[in-house]
C-alpha atoms as a PDB file:
ATOM      1  CA  MET A   1      -7.802  12.135 -16.649  1.00  0.00           C
ATOM      2  CA  ILE A   2      -5.986  11.232 -19.487  1.00  0.00           C
ATOM      3  CA  LYS A   3      -2.890   9.500 -17.346  1.00  0.00           C
ATOM      4  CA  ARG A   4      -5.653   7.455 -15.801  1.00  0.00           C
ATOM      5  CA  MET A   5      -7.359   6.600 -19.192  1.00  0.00           C
ATOM      6  CA  LEU A   6      -4.073   5.311 -20.292  1.00  0.00           C
ATOM      7  CA  SER A   7      -3.113   2.857 -17.406  1.00  0.00           C
ATOM      8  CA  ILE A   8      -6.657   1.353 -17.630  1.00  0.00           C
ATOM      9  CA  GLY A   9      -6.192   1.038 -21.432  1.00  0.00           C
ATOM     10  CA  LEU A  10      -2.608  -0.880 -21.325  1.00  0.00           C
ATOM     11  CA  LEU A  11      -3.843  -2.962 -18.181  1.00  0.00           C
ATOM     12  CA  LEU A  12      -6.632  -4.377 -20.833  1.00  0.00           C
ATOM     13  CA  LEU A  13      -4.064  -4.489 -22.854  1.00  0.00           C
ATOM     14  CA  VAL A  14      -1.583  -6.802 -20.926  1.00  0.00           C
ATOM     15  CA  GLY A  15      -4.794  -8.708 -19.324  1.00  0.00           C
ATOM     16  CA  CYS A  16      -6.587  -9.555 -22.534  1.00  0.00           C
ATOM     17  CA  SER A  17      -3.369 -10.833 -25.263  1.00  0.00           C
ATOM     18  CA  ASP A  18      -2.599 -14.077 -25.194  1.00  0.00           C
ATOM     19  CA  ALA A  19       0.553 -13.357 -27.409  1.00  0.00           C
ATOM     20  CA  PRO A  20       3.296 -10.506 -26.247  1.00  0.00           C
ATOM     21  CA  SER A  21       2.134  -6.994 -27.288  1.00  0.00           C
ATOM     22  CA  LEU A  22       3.239  -4.469 -25.153  1.00  0.00           C
ATOM     23  CA  ASP A  23       6.010  -2.170 -27.694  1.00  0.00           C
ATOM     24  CA  SER A  24       8.928  -0.424 -25.733  1.00  0.00           C
ATOM     25  CA  ALA A  25       6.978   2.629 -25.216  1.00  0.00           C
ATOM     26  CA  GLN A  26       3.865   1.125 -23.310  1.00  0.00           C
ATOM     27  CA  ALA A  27       6.092  -1.175 -21.767  1.00  0.00           C
ATOM     28  CA  ILE A  28       7.928   1.663 -19.902  1.00  0.00           C
ATOM     29  CA  GLU A  29       4.471   3.773 -19.368  1.00  0.00           C
ATOM     30  CA  ALA A  30       2.980   0.270 -18.078  1.00  0.00           C
ATOM     31  CA  LEU A  31       5.556   0.128 -16.108  1.00  0.00           C
ATOM     32  CA  ARG A  32       5.602   3.481 -14.803  1.00  0.00           C
ATOM     33  CA  GLN A  33       2.464   3.744 -13.971  1.00  0.00           C
ATOM     34  CA  LEU A  34       2.956   0.634 -11.671  1.00  0.00           C
ATOM     35  CA  ASN A  35       6.574   1.656 -10.037  1.00  0.00           C
ATOM     36  CA  ALA A  36       4.599   5.206  -9.883  1.00  0.00           C
ATOM     37  CA  ARG A  37       4.411   4.812  -5.903  1.00  0.00           C
ATOM     38  CA  LEU A  38       8.332   3.457  -5.867  1.00  0.00           C
ATOM     39  CA  SER A  39       9.679   6.759  -7.524  1.00  0.00           C
ATOM     40  CA  GLY A  40       7.718   9.277  -5.758  1.00  0.00           C
ATOM     41  CA  GLU A  41       5.167  10.045  -8.211  1.00  0.00           C
ATOM     42  CA  ARG A  42       1.407  11.018  -8.380  1.00  0.00           C
ATOM     43  CA  VAL A  43      -0.619   7.571  -8.550  1.00  0.00           C
ATOM     44  CA  ASP A  44      -3.986   7.029  -8.815  1.00  0.00           C
ATOM     45  CA  ALA A  45      -5.719   5.658  -5.888  1.00  0.00           C
ATOM     46  CA  GLY A  46      -6.494   2.144  -7.485  1.00  0.00           C
ATOM     47  CA  GLN A  47      -2.882   1.355  -8.496  1.00  0.00           C
ATOM     48  CA  PRO A  48      -1.289  -1.655  -5.858  1.00  0.00           C
ATOM     49  CA  TRP A  49       1.008  -0.370  -3.487  1.00  0.00           C
ATOM     50  CA  PRO A  50       4.852  -1.883  -3.729  1.00  0.00           C
ATOM     51  CA  PHE A  51       5.228  -5.630  -3.277  1.00  0.00           C
ATOM     52  CA  THR A  52       1.773  -6.733  -2.597  1.00  0.00           C
ATOM     53  CA  GLN A  53       0.337  -9.941  -4.112  1.00  0.00           C
ATOM     54  CA  GLU A  54      -1.407  -7.840  -6.619  1.00  0.00           C
ATOM     55  CA  TYR A  55       1.515  -5.460  -7.441  1.00  0.00           C
ATOM     56  CA  LEU A  56       3.911  -8.164  -8.209  1.00  0.00           C
ATOM     57  CA  LYS A  57       0.896 -10.196 -10.269  1.00  0.00           C
ATOM     58  CA  GLN A  58       0.819  -6.890 -12.201  1.00  0.00           C
ATOM     59  CA  ARG A  59       4.416  -6.874 -12.520  1.00  0.00           C
ATOM     60  CA  HIS A  60       4.749  -9.693 -13.849  1.00  0.00           C
ATOM     61  CA  ASP A  61       2.180  -9.973 -16.240  1.00  0.00           C
ATOM     62  CA  ILE A  62       3.409  -7.061 -17.726  1.00  0.00           C
ATOM     63  CA  TYR A  63       6.606  -8.316 -18.032  1.00  0.00           C
ATOM     64  CA  ASN A  64       5.262 -11.213 -20.056  1.00  0.00           C
ATOM     65  CA  ALA A  65       3.135  -9.074 -22.427  1.00  0.00           C
ATOM     66  CA  ILE A  66       6.009  -7.283 -23.649  1.00  0.00           C
ATOM     67  CA  ALA A  67       6.874  -7.647 -27.411  1.00  0.00           C
ATOM     68  CA  ARG A  68      11.125  -8.534 -27.248  1.00  0.00           C
ATOM     69  CA  SER A  69      10.836  -8.234 -31.028  1.00  0.00           C
ATOM     70  CA  GLN A  70       9.665  -3.987 -30.405  1.00  0.00           C
ATOM     71  CA  LEU A  71      12.809  -3.498 -27.600  1.00  0.00           C
ATOM     72  CA  THR A  72      16.233  -2.773 -28.472  1.00  0.00           C
ATOM     73  CA  PRO A  73      19.436  -4.920 -27.340  1.00  0.00           C
ATOM     74  CA  ASN A  74      19.999  -3.253 -24.536  1.00  0.00           C
ATOM     75  CA  GLN A  75      15.963  -3.021 -23.635  1.00  0.00           C
ATOM     76  CA  ALA A  76      15.757  -6.750 -23.843  1.00  0.00           C
ATOM     77  CA  GLN A  77      18.903  -7.258 -21.761  1.00  0.00           C
ATOM     78  CA  THR A  78      16.780  -5.147 -19.104  1.00  0.00           C
ATOM     79  CA  LEU A  79      13.669  -7.119 -19.272  1.00  0.00           C
ATOM     80  CA  ASP A  80      15.816  -9.958 -18.801  1.00  0.00           C
ATOM     81  CA  TYR A  81      17.859  -8.897 -15.716  1.00  0.00           C
ATOM     82  CA  LEU A  82      13.994  -7.749 -14.189  1.00  0.00           C
ATOM     83  CA  VAL A  83      12.671 -10.902 -15.092  1.00  0.00           C
ATOM     84  CA  THR A  84      15.442 -12.887 -13.541  1.00  0.00           C
ATOM     85  CA  GLU A  85      15.413 -10.471 -10.260  1.00  0.00           C
ATOM     86  CA  GLU A  86      11.893 -12.177  -9.855  1.00  0.00           C
ATOM     87  CA  ARG A  87      13.354 -15.492  -8.264  1.00  0.00           C
ATOM     88  CA  PHE A  88      14.996 -13.333  -5.292  1.00  0.00           C
ATOM     89  CA  VAL A  89      14.020 -12.529  -2.210  1.00  0.00           C
ATOM     90  CA  ARG A  90      13.200  -8.580  -2.990  1.00  0.00           C
ATOM     91  CA  ARG A  91       9.529  -9.009  -2.505  1.00  0.00           C
ATOM     92  CA  TYR A  92      10.259  -9.733   1.278  1.00  0.00           C
ATOM     93  CA  GLN A  93      11.865  -6.355   1.376  1.00  0.00           C
ATOM     94  CA  PRO A  94       9.046  -3.886   0.523  1.00  0.00           C
ATOM     95  CA  TRP A  95      10.869  -0.792   1.058  1.00  0.00           C
ATOM     96  CA  PRO A  96      13.954  -0.202  -0.809  1.00  0.00           C
ATOM     97  CA  LEU A  97      16.568   2.097  -0.501  1.00  0.00           C
ATOM     98  CA  ALA A  98      15.875   3.979  -3.811  1.00  0.00           C
ATOM     99  CA  ALA A  99      11.998   3.903  -3.193  1.00  0.00           C
ATOM    100  CA  LYS A 100      10.959   7.189  -2.562  1.00  0.00           C
ATOM    101  CA  ILE A 101       7.320   6.463  -1.199  1.00  0.00           C
ATOM    102  CA  THR A 102       4.790   9.417  -1.313  1.00  0.00           C
ATOM    103  CA  ASP A 103       6.886  12.268  -2.220  1.00  0.00           C
ATOM    104  CA  HIS A 104       5.123  14.514  -3.477  1.00  0.00           C
ATOM    105  CA  SER A 105       3.118  17.528  -1.322  1.00  0.00           C
ATOM    106  CA  ALA A 106      -0.434  16.736  -2.603  1.00  0.00           C
ATOM    107  CA  PHE A 107      -0.501  13.296  -0.761  1.00  0.00           C
ATOM    108  CA  PHE A 108      -1.075  14.075   2.070  1.00  0.00           C
ATOM    109  CA  GLN A 109      -4.142  16.273   1.773  1.00  0.00           C
ATOM    110  CA  ASP A 110      -5.872  12.932   0.427  1.00  0.00           C
ATOM    111  CA  SER A 111      -7.399  10.483   3.306  1.00  0.00           C
ATOM    112  CA  GLN A 112      -8.334   8.354   1.056  1.00  0.00           C
ATOM    113  CA  ALA A 113      -4.785   7.646  -0.158  1.00  0.00           C
ATOM    114  CA  GLN A 114      -3.222   8.186   3.516  1.00  0.00           C
ATOM    115  CA  GLN A 115      -5.805   5.270   4.947  1.00  0.00           C
ATOM    116  CA  GLY A 116      -3.727   3.572   1.732  1.00  0.00           C
ATOM    117  CA  LEU A 117      -0.899   3.981   2.966  1.00  0.00           C
ATOM    118  CA  ALA A 118      -1.688   2.852   6.603  1.00  0.00           C
ATOM    119  CA  LYS A 119      -2.775  -0.487   5.423  1.00  0.00           C
ATOM    120  CA  TRP A 120       0.691  -0.513   3.248  1.00  0.00           C
ATOM    121  CA  LEU A 121       2.765   0.046   6.117  1.00  0.00           C
ATOM    122  CA  SER A 122       1.237  -2.736   8.016  1.00  0.00           C
ATOM    123  CA  PHE A 123       1.668  -5.058   5.129  1.00  0.00           C
ATOM    124  CA  VAL A 124       5.570  -3.669   5.618  1.00  0.00           C
ATOM    125  CA  GLU A 125       5.657  -4.592   9.155  1.00  0.00           C
ATOM    126  CA  GLN A 126       3.556  -8.516   8.396  1.00  0.00           C
ATOM    127  CA  THR A 127       6.027  -9.088   5.374  1.00  0.00           C
ATOM    128  CA  LEU A 128       9.367  -8.333   7.521  1.00  0.00           C
ATOM    129  CA  GLU A 129       8.156 -10.138   9.994  1.00  0.00           C
ATOM    130  CA  GLN A 130       7.475 -13.496   7.516  1.00  0.00           C
ATOM    131  CA  ALA A 131      10.963 -12.513   5.853  1.00  0.00           C
ATOM    132  CA  GLN A 132      12.628 -13.399   9.386  1.00  0.00           C
ATOM    133  CA  ASP A 133      11.208 -16.924   8.813  1.00  0.00           C
ATOM    134  CA  SER A 134      13.350 -17.024   5.849  1.00  0.00           C
ATOM    135  CA  LYS A 135      16.149 -15.525   7.744  1.00  0.00           C
ATOM    136  CA  ILE A 136      15.888 -12.571   5.269  1.00  0.00           C
ATOM    137  CA  TYR A 137      16.696  -9.729   7.011  1.00  0.00           C
ATOM    138  CA  LEU A 138      17.458  -5.775   7.064  1.00  0.00           C
ATOM    139  CA  ASN A 139      20.768  -3.946   7.343  1.00  0.00           C
ATOM    140  CA  VAL A 140      21.338  -1.245   9.281  1.00  0.00           C
ATOM    141  CA  VAL A 141      21.100   1.306   6.917  1.00  0.00           C
ATOM    142  CA  GLU A 142      17.489   0.054   5.291  1.00  0.00           C
ATOM    143  CA  VAL A 143      16.246  -0.216   8.988  1.00  0.00           C
ATOM    144  CA  ALA A 144      17.194   3.551   9.563  1.00  0.00           C
ATOM    145  CA  HIS A 145      15.813   4.835   5.732  1.00  0.00           C
ATOM    146  CA  ILE A 146      12.348   3.194   7.119  1.00  0.00           C
ATOM    147  CA  GLN A 147      12.592   5.152  10.298  1.00  0.00           C
ATOM    148  CA  ALA A 148      13.616   8.472   8.589  1.00  0.00           C
ATOM    149  CA  GLN A 149      10.984   7.943   6.468  1.00  0.00           C
ATOM    150  CA  LEU A 150       8.231   7.363   8.716  1.00  0.00           C
ATOM    151  CA  GLY A 151       9.416  10.381  10.914  1.00  0.00           C
ATOM    152  CA  GLN A 152       8.523  12.610   7.427  1.00  0.00           C
ATOM    153  CA  PHE A 153       4.979  10.746   7.503  1.00  0.00           C
ATOM    154  CA  LYS A 154       4.512  11.799  11.358  1.00  0.00           C
ATOM    155  CA  LYS A 155       5.356  15.062  10.331  1.00  0.00           C
ATOM    156  CA  GLN A 156       2.297  15.429   7.436  1.00  0.00           C
ATOM    157  CA  SER A 157      -0.150  13.016   8.831  1.00  0.00           C
ATOM    158  CA  SER A 158      -3.765  13.880   9.527  1.00  0.00           C
ATOM    159  CA  GLU A 159      -5.444  10.865   9.413  1.00  0.00           C
ATOM    160  CA  PRO A 160      -6.024   8.695  12.322  1.00  0.00           C
ATOM    161  CA  GLN A 161      -5.230   5.347  11.101  1.00  0.00           C
ATOM    162  CA  LEU A 162      -2.344   6.123   9.662  1.00  0.00           C
ATOM    163  CA  ASN A 163      -0.773   7.777  12.343  1.00  0.00           C
ATOM    164  CA  THR A 164      -1.684   4.057  14.520  1.00  0.00           C
ATOM    165  CA  ALA A 165       0.142   2.333  11.930  1.00  0.00           C
ATOM    166  CA  ILE A 166       3.153   4.761  11.808  1.00  0.00           C
ATOM    167  CA  ALA A 167       3.551   3.735  15.919  1.00  0.00           C
ATOM    168  CA  ARG A 168       2.917   0.240  14.985  1.00  0.00           C
ATOM    169  CA  LEU A 169       5.840   0.030  12.676  1.00  0.00           C
ATOM    170  CA  GLU A 170       8.143   2.373  14.512  1.00  0.00           C
ATOM    171  CA  ALA A 171       7.847   0.236  17.676  1.00  0.00           C
ATOM    172  CA  TYR A 172       8.064  -2.948  15.370  1.00  0.00           C
ATOM    173  CA  LEU A 173      11.610  -1.471  14.155  1.00  0.00           C
ATOM    174  CA  SER A 174      12.586  -0.482  17.388  1.00  0.00           C
ATOM    175  CA  ARG A 175      12.461  -4.175  18.293  1.00  0.00           C
ATOM    176  CA  TYR A 176      13.768  -5.085  15.216  1.00  0.00           C
ATOM    177  CA  ILE A 177      17.708  -6.807  15.120  1.00  0.00           C
ATOM    178  CA  PRO A 178      19.271  -5.946  11.353  1.00  0.00           C
ATOM    179  CA  ARG A 179      21.840  -8.477   9.670  1.00  0.00           C
ATOM    180  CA  ASN A 180      24.998  -7.631  10.891  1.00  0.00           C
ATOM    181  CA  GLN A 181      26.330  -7.210   7.435  1.00  0.00           C
ATOM    182  CA  LEU A 182      25.715  -4.691   4.710  1.00  0.00           C
ATOM    183  CA  GLY A 183      26.428  -6.322   1.805  1.00  0.00           C
ATOM    184  CA  LEU A 184      23.364  -8.900  -0.148  1.00  0.00           C
ATOM    185  CA  ALA A 185      25.870 -11.804  -0.006  1.00  0.00           C
ATOM    186  CA  GLN A 186      24.611 -12.437   3.559  1.00  0.00           C
ATOM    187  CA  LEU A 187      21.043 -13.224   2.350  1.00  0.00           C
ATOM    188  CA  PRO A 188      19.528 -16.472   1.441  1.00  0.00           C
ATOM    189  CA  ASN A 189      20.720 -16.434  -2.609  1.00  0.00           C
ATOM    190  CA  GLY A 190      22.115 -13.262  -2.467  1.00  0.00           C
ATOM    191  CA  ALA A 191      25.725 -14.139  -3.735  1.00  0.00           C
ATOM    192  CA  GLN A 192      23.449 -15.573  -6.865  1.00  0.00           C
ATOM    193  CA  TRP A 193      21.525 -11.921  -6.881  1.00  0.00           C
ATOM    194  CA  TYR A 194      24.357 -10.001  -6.613  1.00  0.00           C
ATOM    195  CA  GLN A 195      26.181 -11.576  -9.464  1.00  0.00           C
ATOM    196  CA  ALA A 196      23.198 -11.791 -11.899  1.00  0.00           C
ATOM    197  CA  LYS A 197      23.218  -8.093 -11.094  1.00  0.00           C
ATOM    198  CA  ILE A 198      26.670  -7.079 -12.105  1.00  0.00           C
ATOM    199  CA  ASN A 199      26.238  -9.661 -15.046  1.00  0.00           C
ATOM    200  CA  TYR A 200      23.664  -7.020 -16.093  1.00  0.00           C
ATOM    201  CA  TYR A 201      25.430  -3.697 -15.524  1.00  0.00           C
ATOM    202  CA  SER A 202      29.117  -5.117 -16.889  1.00  0.00           C
ATOM    203  CA  GLY A 203      27.319  -7.413 -19.512  1.00  0.00           C
ATOM    204  CA  GLN A 204      30.035  -9.523 -18.488  1.00  0.00           C
ATOM    205  CA  VAL A 205      30.030 -13.079 -16.959  1.00  0.00           C
ATOM    206  CA  ARG A 206      32.857 -13.084 -14.394  1.00  0.00           C
ATOM    207  CA  SER A 207      32.927 -13.740 -10.607  1.00  0.00           C
ATOM    208  CA  PRO A 208      33.320 -11.422  -8.436  1.00  0.00           C
ATOM    209  CA  ILE A 209      36.723 -12.505  -7.167  1.00  0.00           C
ATOM    210  CA  GLN A 210      37.972 -12.254 -10.728  1.00  0.00           C
ATOM    211  CA  TRP A 211      36.338  -8.780 -11.196  1.00  0.00           C
ATOM    212  CA  TYR A 212      38.443  -7.541  -7.725  1.00  0.00           C
ATOM    213  CA  THR A 213      41.633  -9.143  -8.747  1.00  0.00           C
ATOM    214  CA  ASP A 214      41.215  -7.338 -11.965  1.00  0.00           C
ATOM    215  CA  ILE A 215      40.551  -4.017 -10.553  1.00  0.00           C
ATOM    216  CA  GLN A 216      42.865  -4.362  -8.172  1.00  0.00           C
ATOM    217  CA  GLY A 217      45.539  -4.298 -10.884  1.00  0.00           C
ATOM    218  CA  LYS A 218      44.209  -1.391 -12.895  1.00  0.00           C
ATOM    219  CA  GLN A 219      44.057   0.652 -10.439  1.00  0.00           C
ATOM    220  CA  ARG A 220      48.056   0.141  -9.854  1.00  0.00           C
ATOM    221  CA  ASP A 221      48.020   1.359 -12.891  1.00  0.00           C
ATOM    222  CA  VAL A 222      45.903   5.004 -12.385  1.00  0.00           C
ATOM    223  CA  GLN A 223      46.460   5.575  -8.752  1.00  0.00           C
ATOM    224  CA  GLY A 224      49.376   7.810  -9.102  1.00  0.00           C
ATOM    225  CA  PHE A 225      46.910  10.549 -11.165  1.00  0.00           C
ATOM    226  CA  GLY A 226      44.691  10.843  -8.792  1.00  0.00           C
ATOM    227  CA  VAL A 227      40.785  11.069  -8.507  1.00  0.00           C
ATOM    228  CA  GLN A 228      38.225  13.619 -10.126  1.00  0.00           C
ATOM    229  CA  PRO A 229      34.435  13.156 -10.158  1.00  0.00           C
ATOM    230  CA  LEU A 230      32.889  10.692 -12.778  1.00  0.00           C
ATOM    231  CA  PRO A 231      31.118  13.070 -15.440  1.00  0.00           C
ATOM    232  CA  GLU A 232      27.455  14.168 -14.784  1.00  0.00           C
ATOM    233  CA  MET A 233      24.666  12.477 -15.805  1.00  0.00           C
ATOM    234  CA  ASP A 234      21.966  14.199 -18.126  1.00  0.00           C
ATOM    235  CA  ARG A 235      19.102  12.208 -17.745  1.00  0.00           C
ATOM    236  CA  SER A 236      18.304  14.164 -21.091  1.00  0.00           C
ATOM    237  CA  GLU A 237      20.781  12.023 -23.099  1.00  0.00           C
ATOM    238  CA  LEU A 238      19.235   8.737 -21.812  1.00  0.00           C
ATOM    239  CA  MET A 239      17.413   6.379 -24.149  1.00  0.00           C
ATOM    240  CA  PRO A 240      14.451   4.870 -22.766  1.00  0.00           C
ATOM    241  CA  ASP A 241      14.480   1.518 -20.895  1.00  0.00           C
ATOM    242  CA  LEU A 242      12.687  -0.555 -18.494  1.00  0.00           C
ATOM    243  CA  ASP A 243      13.778   0.082 -14.710  1.00  0.00           C
ATOM    244  CA  TRP A 244      12.330   2.284 -12.390  1.00  0.00           C
ATOM    245  CA  ARG A 245      15.610   2.585 -10.292  1.00  0.00           C
ATOM    246  CA  GLN A 246      17.093   3.487 -13.126  1.00  0.00           C
ATOM    247  CA  ASN A 247      14.500   6.227 -13.890  1.00  0.00           C
ATOM    248  CA  TYR A 248      13.536   4.573 -16.848  1.00  0.00           C
ATOM    249  CA  GLY A 249      16.580   4.998 -18.672  1.00  0.00           C
ATOM    250  CA  ASP A 250      19.865   3.276 -20.210  1.00  0.00           C
ATOM    251  CA  LEU A 251      22.864   4.026 -17.860  1.00  0.00           C
ATOM    252  CA  ARG A 252      25.192   0.771 -19.801  1.00  0.00           C
ATOM    253  CA  GLY A 253      24.118   2.549 -22.990  1.00  0.00           C
ATOM    254  CA  TRP A 254      25.199   6.024 -21.529  1.00  0.00           C
ATOM    255  CA  ALA A 255      27.884   5.246 -20.281  1.00  0.00           C
ATOM    256  CA  LYS A 256      29.759   3.390 -22.940  1.00  0.00           C
ATOM    257  CA  GLY A 257      29.412   6.294 -25.023  1.00  0.00           C
ATOM    258  CA  LEU A 258      32.433   8.349 -22.243  1.00  0.00           C
ATOM    259  CA  GLN A 259      35.630   8.966 -21.947  1.00  0.00           C
ATOM    260  CA  LEU A 260      37.272   9.107 -18.332  1.00  0.00           C
ATOM    261  CA  ASN A 261      40.761  10.476 -18.024  1.00  0.00           C
ATOM    262  CA  PRO A 262      42.823   8.111 -16.213  1.00  0.00           C
ATOM    263  CA  SER A 263      41.681  10.413 -12.768  1.00  0.00           C
ATOM    264  CA  GLN A 264      37.998   9.468 -13.743  1.00  0.00           C
ATOM    265  CA  ARG A 265      39.070   5.607 -14.244  1.00  0.00           C
ATOM    266  CA  TYR A 266      40.545   5.864 -10.875  1.00  0.00           C
ATOM    267  CA  MET A 267      37.391   7.116  -9.326  1.00  0.00           C
ATOM    268  CA  ALA A 268      35.191   4.140 -11.803  1.00  0.00           C
ATOM    269  CA  LEU A 269      37.735   1.458 -10.113  1.00  0.00           C
ATOM    270  CA  ILE A 270      37.403   3.070  -6.641  1.00  0.00           C
ATOM    271  CA  TRP A 271      33.368   2.646  -6.447  1.00  0.00           C
ATOM    272  CA  MET A 272      33.671  -0.976  -8.499  1.00  0.00           C
ATOM    273  CA  GLU A 273      35.980  -2.126  -5.502  1.00  0.00           C
ATOM    274  CA  VAL A 274      34.018  -0.694  -2.754  1.00  0.00           C
ATOM    275  CA  ASP A 275      30.852  -2.501  -4.614  1.00  0.00           C
ATOM    276  CA  LEU A 276      32.270  -5.734  -4.430  1.00  0.00           C
ATOM    277  CA  GLY A 277      33.959  -5.558  -1.356  1.00  0.00           C
ATOM    278  CA  VAL A 278      30.379  -4.220   0.579  1.00  0.00           C
ATOM    279  CA  HIS A 279      28.324  -7.626  -1.777  1.00  0.00           C
ATOM    280  CA  ALA A 280      30.316 -10.202  -2.237  1.00  0.00           C
ATOM    281  CA  GLN A 281      33.489  -9.161   0.953  1.00  0.00           C
ATOM    282  CA  MET A 282      31.384  -8.598   3.199  1.00  0.00           C
ATOM    283  CA  TRP A 283      32.873  -5.086   4.265  1.00  0.00           C
ATOM    284  CA  SER A 284      31.769  -3.140   7.294  1.00  0.00           C
ATOM    285  CA  GLU A 285      30.809   0.277   7.142  1.00  0.00           C
ATOM    286  CA  GLN A 286      34.026   1.113   8.786  1.00  0.00           C
ATOM    287  CA  PHE A 287      36.026  -0.965   6.542  1.00  0.00           C
ATOM    288  CA  VAL A 288      34.813   1.041   3.629  1.00  0.00           C
ATOM    289  CA  TYR A 289      35.749   4.660   5.263  1.00  0.00           C
ATOM    290  CA  THR A 290      39.321   3.145   6.274  1.00  0.00           C
ATOM    291  CA  ALA A 291      39.866   1.828   2.528  1.00  0.00           C
ATOM    292  CA  LEU A 292      39.049   4.847   1.271  1.00  0.00           C
ATOM    293  CA  ALA A 293      40.817   7.249   3.677  1.00  0.00           C
ATOM    294  CA  ASN A 294      44.000   5.146   2.043  1.00  0.00           C
ATOM    295  CA  LYS A 295      43.195   6.380  -1.219  1.00  0.00           C
ATOM    296  CA  GLY A 296      42.662   9.910   0.072  1.00  0.00           C
ATOM    297  CA  ILE A 297      39.124  10.326   0.000  1.00  0.00           C
ATOM    298  CA  ASP A 298      37.386  12.379   2.409  1.00  0.00           C
ATOM    299  CA  ALA A 299      34.400  11.227   4.543  1.00  0.00           C
ATOM    300  CA  GLY A 300      31.693  13.099   2.477  1.00  0.00           C
ATOM    301  CA  VAL A 301      32.932  11.529  -0.759  1.00  0.00           C
ATOM    302  CA  ALA A 302      33.128   8.123   0.989  1.00  0.00           C
ATOM    303  CA  THR A 303      29.584   8.041   2.662  1.00  0.00           C
ATOM    304  CA  ARG A 304      28.258   9.016  -0.988  1.00  0.00           C
ATOM    305  CA  ILE A 305      30.089   6.106  -2.783  1.00  0.00           C
ATOM    306  CA  LEU A 306      28.626   3.498   0.059  1.00  0.00           C
ATOM    307  CA  MET A 307      25.212   4.997  -0.195  1.00  0.00           C
ATOM    308  CA  ARG A 308      25.191   4.661  -3.924  1.00  0.00           C
ATOM    309  CA  VAL A 309      26.692   1.380  -3.490  1.00  0.00           C
ATOM    310  CA  LEU A 310      23.895   0.082  -0.832  1.00  0.00           C
ATOM    311  CA  THR A 311      21.019   1.842  -2.859  1.00  0.00           C
ATOM    312  CA  HIS A 312      22.056   0.407  -6.592  1.00  0.00           C
ATOM    313  CA  PRO A 313      24.163  -2.617  -6.208  1.00  0.00           C
ATOM    314  CA  GLY A 314      26.365  -3.916  -9.007  1.00  0.00           C
ATOM    315  CA  GLN A 315      25.612  -0.139 -10.583  1.00  0.00           C
ATOM    316  CA  SER A 316      29.493   0.650 -10.627  1.00  0.00           C
ATOM    317  CA  PHE A 317      29.739  -2.022 -13.496  1.00  0.00           C
ATOM    318  CA  ILE A 318      28.415   0.290 -16.068  1.00  0.00           C
ATOM    319  CA  TYR A 319      32.515   1.355 -16.159  1.00  0.00           C
ATOM    320  CA  ALA A 320      32.992  -2.267 -16.377  1.00  0.00           C
ATOM    321  CA  ASP A 321      34.343  -1.422 -20.573  1.00  0.00           C
ATOM    322  CA  LEU A 322      36.017   1.618 -19.874  1.00  0.00           C
ATOM    323  CA  VAL A 323      37.892   0.873 -17.205  1.00  0.00           C
ATOM    324  CA  SER A 324      40.411  -0.991 -19.315  1.00  0.00           C
ATOM    325  CA  GLU A 325      40.882   1.952 -21.394  1.00  0.00           C
ATOM    326  CA  PRO A 326      44.957   2.372 -21.920  1.00  0.00           C
END
């Protein structure tokens, strides 16, 4: 009930003020409530479903209501990045790999919630169909992700309307032809979208080919040390930020505080190389596995790197400043 009242209060604050009025804590709470379905959190039934017109409008209004003077420099950069992303094709891909739709057990005990999910699944189908008119297609991993989620829904659903919607979307996806490459560059304006991502995460403006050339050279300096896992992230150490995909934590600020040994720098460079290879150079899945095997990376680690790159394009560049250390 308290969360519900807080959510209503924030929405009224967003809707009734002409001047930006949300401080960083209020902005994060408003975005957390709006994006709760994407994060798999429990949510009030009145919250809009991801990437519907109502959702997009509320998100845009929240961005506009944030008082930049109340943000840290990193939060202001994140806001600029999120606003920039509004221009790209994500609205036609309403089920991101990072999403954890209905990722809590109580959801399927609520008939009204299941009916809401049924309507959203119909929206997903309609959106994917409309996207094809603009030559926007999911990749094979994104399709498989949705199919796996539908399989989980089917096991838990007790609502006929939801069962019908699941079956319809499964049938649609069985006929769906994904795009033939994994990376963003194959999408309309995808190269610009990826450039915006690496600019944001790195804090630098350099083209993918400039980054790739530099990374190749730096790998030669450290490859003799072998590879070690990168430091584990403690979410409690992260400063608050605005992006649900980063769990509302400042990954860039966290990474700047790290000290990597040569073997960890090599791993960071490999992650960045795969990121660029997939999203800017059209590497195939098989090419990724072959390239990583040649560096002594086993298939299990290669899969984790590839899935991280596909789920969070450009995020490897949080290590951009560290990889140049002696």
